[in-house]
N, C-alpha and C. Protein backbone atom coordinates (compact mmCIF):
# COMPACT_ATOMS: atom_id res chain seq x y z
N MET A 1 -25.10 -60.67 -60.80
CA MET A 1 -23.81 -60.04 -61.04
C MET A 1 -23.56 -59.01 -59.94
N PRO A 2 -22.36 -58.97 -59.36
CA PRO A 2 -22.08 -58.02 -58.29
C PRO A 2 -22.11 -56.58 -58.79
N ALA A 3 -22.41 -55.69 -57.86
CA ALA A 3 -22.45 -54.26 -58.19
C ALA A 3 -21.06 -53.79 -58.59
N LYS A 4 -21.01 -52.78 -59.42
CA LYS A 4 -19.74 -52.23 -59.85
C LYS A 4 -19.37 -51.04 -58.98
N TYR A 5 -18.13 -51.01 -58.53
CA TYR A 5 -17.61 -49.92 -57.72
C TYR A 5 -16.77 -49.00 -58.61
N ARG A 6 -16.70 -47.76 -58.22
CA ARG A 6 -15.85 -46.80 -58.93
C ARG A 6 -14.50 -46.77 -58.22
N VAL A 7 -13.42 -47.06 -58.94
CA VAL A 7 -12.08 -47.08 -58.37
C VAL A 7 -11.38 -45.77 -58.72
N GLU A 8 -10.91 -45.07 -57.69
CA GLU A 8 -10.20 -43.81 -57.88
C GLU A 8 -8.81 -43.93 -57.28
N ILE A 9 -7.81 -43.59 -58.08
CA ILE A 9 -6.42 -43.66 -57.63
C ILE A 9 -5.97 -42.24 -57.28
N THR A 10 -5.49 -42.06 -56.05
CA THR A 10 -5.03 -40.74 -55.64
C THR A 10 -3.75 -40.38 -56.39
N ARG A 11 -3.45 -39.09 -56.45
CA ARG A 11 -2.22 -38.64 -57.10
C ARG A 11 -0.99 -39.23 -56.42
N HIS A 12 -1.08 -39.33 -55.11
CA HIS A 12 0.05 -39.88 -54.36
C HIS A 12 0.31 -41.33 -54.76
N ALA A 13 -0.73 -42.14 -54.88
CA ALA A 13 -0.57 -43.54 -55.29
C ALA A 13 -0.05 -43.62 -56.72
N GLU A 14 -0.52 -42.75 -57.59
CA GLU A 14 -0.03 -42.72 -58.98
C GLU A 14 1.47 -42.42 -59.00
N ALA A 15 1.89 -41.45 -58.18
CA ALA A 15 3.31 -41.10 -58.11
C ALA A 15 4.13 -42.28 -57.60
N GLU A 16 3.58 -43.02 -56.65
CA GLU A 16 4.28 -44.19 -56.13
C GLU A 16 4.42 -45.27 -57.20
N LEU A 17 3.39 -45.48 -58.01
CA LEU A 17 3.48 -46.44 -59.11
C LEU A 17 4.56 -46.02 -60.11
N GLU A 18 4.61 -44.73 -60.40
CA GLU A 18 5.63 -44.23 -61.33
C GLU A 18 7.03 -44.44 -60.75
N ALA A 19 7.19 -44.24 -59.45
CA ALA A 19 8.50 -44.44 -58.80
C ALA A 19 8.90 -45.91 -58.82
N ILE A 20 7.93 -46.79 -58.61
CA ILE A 20 8.20 -48.23 -58.66
C ILE A 20 8.68 -48.61 -60.07
N TYR A 21 7.97 -48.10 -61.08
CA TYR A 21 8.37 -48.36 -62.46
C TYR A 21 9.79 -47.87 -62.71
N ALA A 22 10.08 -46.63 -62.32
CA ALA A 22 11.40 -46.04 -62.57
C ALA A 22 12.50 -46.85 -61.89
N TYR A 23 12.24 -47.31 -60.69
CA TYR A 23 13.24 -48.08 -59.95
C TYR A 23 13.54 -49.41 -60.65
N ILE A 24 12.51 -50.15 -61.02
CA ILE A 24 12.71 -51.45 -61.67
C ILE A 24 13.28 -51.26 -63.08
N ALA A 25 12.85 -50.21 -63.76
CA ALA A 25 13.27 -49.97 -65.14
C ALA A 25 14.76 -49.66 -65.26
N GLN A 26 15.39 -49.26 -64.18
CA GLN A 26 16.83 -49.02 -64.22
C GLN A 26 17.57 -50.27 -64.67
N ASP A 27 17.06 -51.43 -64.27
CA ASP A 27 17.69 -52.70 -64.62
C ASP A 27 16.99 -53.41 -65.77
N ASN A 28 15.64 -53.26 -65.84
CA ASN A 28 14.89 -54.03 -66.82
C ASN A 28 13.56 -53.34 -67.12
N PRO A 29 13.54 -52.49 -68.15
CA PRO A 29 12.30 -51.76 -68.48
C PRO A 29 11.11 -52.67 -68.78
N ALA A 30 11.34 -53.79 -69.45
CA ALA A 30 10.23 -54.69 -69.78
C ALA A 30 9.63 -55.29 -68.50
N ALA A 31 10.48 -55.69 -67.57
CA ALA A 31 10.00 -56.22 -66.30
C ALA A 31 9.27 -55.16 -65.50
N ALA A 32 9.75 -53.93 -65.56
CA ALA A 32 9.09 -52.82 -64.87
C ALA A 32 7.69 -52.61 -65.42
N PHE A 33 7.57 -52.63 -66.73
CA PHE A 33 6.26 -52.45 -67.36
C PHE A 33 5.30 -53.55 -66.91
N GLU A 34 5.75 -54.80 -66.96
CA GLU A 34 4.88 -55.92 -66.60
C GLU A 34 4.51 -55.89 -65.11
N PHE A 35 5.46 -55.53 -64.25
CA PHE A 35 5.19 -55.49 -62.82
C PHE A 35 4.13 -54.44 -62.50
N VAL A 36 4.29 -53.25 -63.02
CA VAL A 36 3.32 -52.18 -62.76
C VAL A 36 1.99 -52.50 -63.43
N ALA A 37 2.01 -53.09 -64.62
CA ALA A 37 0.76 -53.49 -65.28
C ALA A 37 0.00 -54.51 -64.44
N ALA A 38 0.72 -55.43 -63.79
CA ALA A 38 0.07 -56.42 -62.93
C ALA A 38 -0.60 -55.75 -61.72
N ILE A 39 0.07 -54.76 -61.14
CA ILE A 39 -0.54 -54.01 -60.03
C ILE A 39 -1.78 -53.27 -60.53
N GLU A 40 -1.69 -52.67 -61.70
CA GLU A 40 -2.84 -51.94 -62.26
C GLU A 40 -4.01 -52.88 -62.55
N ARG A 41 -3.73 -54.09 -63.03
CA ARG A 41 -4.81 -55.08 -63.24
C ARG A 41 -5.46 -55.45 -61.91
N GLN A 42 -4.64 -55.62 -60.91
CA GLN A 42 -5.14 -55.94 -59.57
C GLN A 42 -6.05 -54.82 -59.07
N ILE A 43 -5.64 -53.58 -59.28
CA ILE A 43 -6.44 -52.42 -58.88
C ILE A 43 -7.75 -52.40 -59.66
N SER A 44 -7.68 -52.62 -60.96
CA SER A 44 -8.90 -52.62 -61.79
C SER A 44 -9.90 -53.68 -61.35
N SER A 45 -9.40 -54.80 -60.87
CA SER A 45 -10.29 -55.88 -60.44
C SER A 45 -11.14 -55.49 -59.23
N LEU A 46 -10.76 -54.42 -58.57
CA LEU A 46 -11.53 -53.96 -57.40
C LEU A 46 -12.90 -53.40 -57.79
N GLU A 47 -13.12 -53.16 -59.07
CA GLU A 47 -14.43 -52.68 -59.52
C GLU A 47 -15.54 -53.66 -59.17
N ARG A 48 -15.22 -54.93 -59.08
CA ARG A 48 -16.23 -55.95 -58.83
C ARG A 48 -16.23 -56.47 -57.40
N PHE A 49 -15.06 -56.71 -56.83
CA PHE A 49 -15.01 -57.35 -55.52
C PHE A 49 -14.00 -56.66 -54.58
N PRO A 50 -14.21 -55.42 -54.21
CA PRO A 50 -13.23 -54.73 -53.37
C PRO A 50 -13.14 -55.29 -51.95
N LEU A 51 -14.21 -55.88 -51.47
CA LEU A 51 -14.20 -56.37 -50.09
C LEU A 51 -13.44 -57.69 -49.95
N ARG A 52 -12.94 -58.22 -51.06
CA ARG A 52 -12.11 -59.42 -50.98
C ARG A 52 -10.73 -59.07 -50.42
N ALA A 53 -10.36 -57.80 -50.53
CA ALA A 53 -9.06 -57.36 -50.00
C ALA A 53 -9.14 -57.37 -48.48
N PRO A 54 -8.20 -58.02 -47.82
CA PRO A 54 -8.26 -58.10 -46.36
C PRO A 54 -7.99 -56.75 -45.68
N VAL A 55 -8.55 -56.60 -44.50
CA VAL A 55 -8.29 -55.42 -43.69
C VAL A 55 -6.83 -55.48 -43.25
N ILE A 56 -6.15 -54.34 -43.29
CA ILE A 56 -4.73 -54.32 -42.95
C ILE A 56 -4.53 -54.55 -41.45
N PRO A 57 -3.40 -55.14 -41.07
CA PRO A 57 -3.13 -55.40 -39.66
C PRO A 57 -3.11 -54.13 -38.81
N GLU A 58 -2.75 -53.00 -39.39
CA GLU A 58 -2.68 -51.73 -38.65
C GLU A 58 -4.04 -51.09 -38.42
N ALA A 59 -5.11 -51.68 -38.93
CA ALA A 59 -6.44 -51.06 -38.88
C ALA A 59 -6.87 -50.74 -37.45
N GLY A 60 -6.54 -51.61 -36.50
CA GLY A 60 -6.93 -51.36 -35.11
C GLY A 60 -6.32 -50.08 -34.58
N GLU A 61 -5.07 -49.80 -34.94
CA GLU A 61 -4.39 -48.58 -34.51
C GLU A 61 -4.96 -47.35 -35.20
N LEU A 62 -5.37 -47.50 -36.45
CA LEU A 62 -5.82 -46.38 -37.25
C LEU A 62 -7.28 -46.03 -37.02
N GLY A 63 -8.08 -46.99 -36.58
CA GLY A 63 -9.49 -46.74 -36.36
C GLY A 63 -10.33 -46.73 -37.63
N VAL A 64 -9.74 -47.09 -38.75
CA VAL A 64 -10.45 -47.14 -40.03
C VAL A 64 -10.09 -48.47 -40.68
N SER A 65 -11.05 -49.09 -41.33
CA SER A 65 -10.82 -50.40 -41.96
C SER A 65 -10.19 -50.25 -43.33
N TYR A 66 -8.95 -49.80 -43.36
CA TYR A 66 -8.21 -49.79 -44.62
C TYR A 66 -7.97 -51.24 -45.01
N ARG A 67 -7.86 -51.47 -46.29
CA ARG A 67 -7.64 -52.81 -46.82
C ARG A 67 -6.39 -52.79 -47.69
N HIS A 68 -5.91 -53.95 -48.07
CA HIS A 68 -4.75 -53.98 -48.95
C HIS A 68 -4.76 -55.20 -49.86
N LEU A 69 -4.06 -55.04 -50.95
CA LEU A 69 -3.74 -56.13 -51.86
C LEU A 69 -2.23 -56.21 -51.92
N ILE A 70 -1.72 -57.41 -52.05
CA ILE A 70 -0.28 -57.62 -52.10
C ILE A 70 0.11 -58.09 -53.50
N HIS A 71 1.18 -57.51 -54.03
CA HIS A 71 1.76 -57.99 -55.29
C HIS A 71 3.27 -57.97 -55.09
N GLY A 72 3.88 -59.13 -55.08
CA GLY A 72 5.31 -59.20 -54.78
C GLY A 72 5.55 -58.67 -53.38
N VAL A 73 6.43 -57.69 -53.27
CA VAL A 73 6.71 -57.09 -51.96
C VAL A 73 5.99 -55.75 -51.78
N TYR A 74 5.04 -55.44 -52.68
CA TYR A 74 4.33 -54.17 -52.61
C TYR A 74 2.91 -54.34 -52.11
N ARG A 75 2.46 -53.36 -51.36
CA ARG A 75 1.10 -53.33 -50.82
C ARG A 75 0.33 -52.18 -51.46
N THR A 76 -0.85 -52.46 -51.96
CA THR A 76 -1.75 -51.41 -52.43
C THR A 76 -2.75 -51.19 -51.30
N ILE A 77 -2.71 -50.01 -50.69
CA ILE A 77 -3.57 -49.68 -49.57
C ILE A 77 -4.81 -48.96 -50.12
N LEU A 78 -5.99 -49.42 -49.70
CA LEU A 78 -7.23 -48.86 -50.23
C LEU A 78 -8.27 -48.71 -49.13
N ARG A 79 -9.28 -47.93 -49.46
CA ARG A 79 -10.42 -47.77 -48.56
C ARG A 79 -11.68 -47.84 -49.40
N VAL A 80 -12.65 -48.61 -48.93
CA VAL A 80 -13.94 -48.72 -49.60
C VAL A 80 -14.91 -47.80 -48.87
N ASP A 81 -15.55 -46.92 -49.64
CA ASP A 81 -16.50 -45.96 -49.07
C ASP A 81 -17.74 -45.97 -49.96
N GLY A 82 -18.77 -46.66 -49.51
CA GLY A 82 -19.97 -46.79 -50.33
C GLY A 82 -19.65 -47.56 -51.60
N LYS A 83 -19.89 -46.96 -52.74
CA LYS A 83 -19.61 -47.60 -54.03
C LYS A 83 -18.31 -47.08 -54.65
N ARG A 84 -17.46 -46.49 -53.81
CA ARG A 84 -16.17 -45.99 -54.29
C ARG A 84 -15.04 -46.73 -53.58
N VAL A 85 -13.99 -46.96 -54.34
CA VAL A 85 -12.77 -47.56 -53.80
C VAL A 85 -11.66 -46.54 -54.05
N TYR A 86 -11.03 -46.11 -52.98
CA TYR A 86 -9.93 -45.15 -53.08
C TYR A 86 -8.60 -45.88 -52.92
N ILE A 87 -7.76 -45.77 -53.92
CA ILE A 87 -6.41 -46.31 -53.85
C ILE A 87 -5.55 -45.20 -53.25
N LEU A 88 -5.06 -45.46 -52.03
CA LEU A 88 -4.38 -44.41 -51.28
C LEU A 88 -2.86 -44.49 -51.37
N ARG A 89 -2.32 -45.70 -51.36
CA ARG A 89 -0.86 -45.88 -51.37
C ARG A 89 -0.52 -47.14 -52.15
N VAL A 90 0.68 -47.16 -52.70
CA VAL A 90 1.29 -48.37 -53.26
C VAL A 90 2.72 -48.33 -52.74
N ILE A 91 2.98 -49.11 -51.69
CA ILE A 91 4.26 -49.00 -50.99
C ILE A 91 4.94 -50.36 -50.84
N HIS A 92 6.23 -50.31 -50.63
CA HIS A 92 6.98 -51.52 -50.32
C HIS A 92 6.49 -52.04 -48.98
N GLY A 93 6.33 -53.34 -48.87
CA GLY A 93 5.78 -53.93 -47.66
C GLY A 93 6.57 -53.68 -46.40
N SER A 94 7.85 -53.35 -46.52
CA SER A 94 8.67 -53.11 -45.33
C SER A 94 8.52 -51.69 -44.79
N ARG A 95 7.86 -50.82 -45.56
CA ARG A 95 7.71 -49.42 -45.13
C ARG A 95 6.54 -49.26 -44.17
N LEU A 96 6.68 -48.33 -43.25
CA LEU A 96 5.58 -47.98 -42.36
C LEU A 96 4.61 -47.07 -43.10
N LEU A 97 3.34 -47.16 -42.73
CA LEU A 97 2.35 -46.29 -43.34
C LEU A 97 2.43 -44.89 -42.78
N ASP A 98 2.39 -43.90 -43.65
CA ASP A 98 2.34 -42.50 -43.23
C ASP A 98 0.88 -42.15 -43.06
N LEU A 99 0.45 -41.99 -41.81
CA LEU A 99 -0.97 -41.79 -41.53
C LEU A 99 -1.52 -40.53 -42.17
N GLY A 100 -0.71 -39.51 -42.34
CA GLY A 100 -1.20 -38.28 -42.95
C GLY A 100 -1.58 -38.44 -44.40
N ILE A 101 -1.03 -39.42 -45.06
CA ILE A 101 -1.31 -39.63 -46.48
C ILE A 101 -2.53 -40.53 -46.68
N LEU A 102 -2.96 -41.22 -45.65
CA LEU A 102 -4.08 -42.13 -45.80
C LEU A 102 -5.42 -41.42 -45.70
N GLN A 103 -5.59 -40.41 -46.51
CA GLN A 103 -6.84 -39.68 -46.55
C GLN A 103 -7.37 -39.70 -47.97
N ALA A 104 -8.58 -40.14 -48.14
CA ALA A 104 -9.20 -40.12 -49.47
C ALA A 104 -9.69 -38.72 -49.76
N PRO A 105 -9.75 -38.37 -51.01
CA PRO A 105 -10.23 -37.02 -51.40
C PRO A 105 -11.66 -36.79 -50.95
């Protein structure tokens, strides 16, 4: 059985999930709940296999092997550090990454 990793979601990523929910809920609260729940399930699955998430295309520019998972048009940006997985951002795929926010606690 694979080792278990500890997944930690930053406050910034939590706020982004809340904003995604609020945006979708304007039109359809049930769909908003299911969409965010699906992202949260995807994040929870990182406890077992975080390295399955591919390294982001911007990694060469950043000098750090950030990884991401895609759900719909949203990207969950993460970093694996030892036995910890830090969820740093949950952003729309068309947005540029803010390098200042990509710091794990």
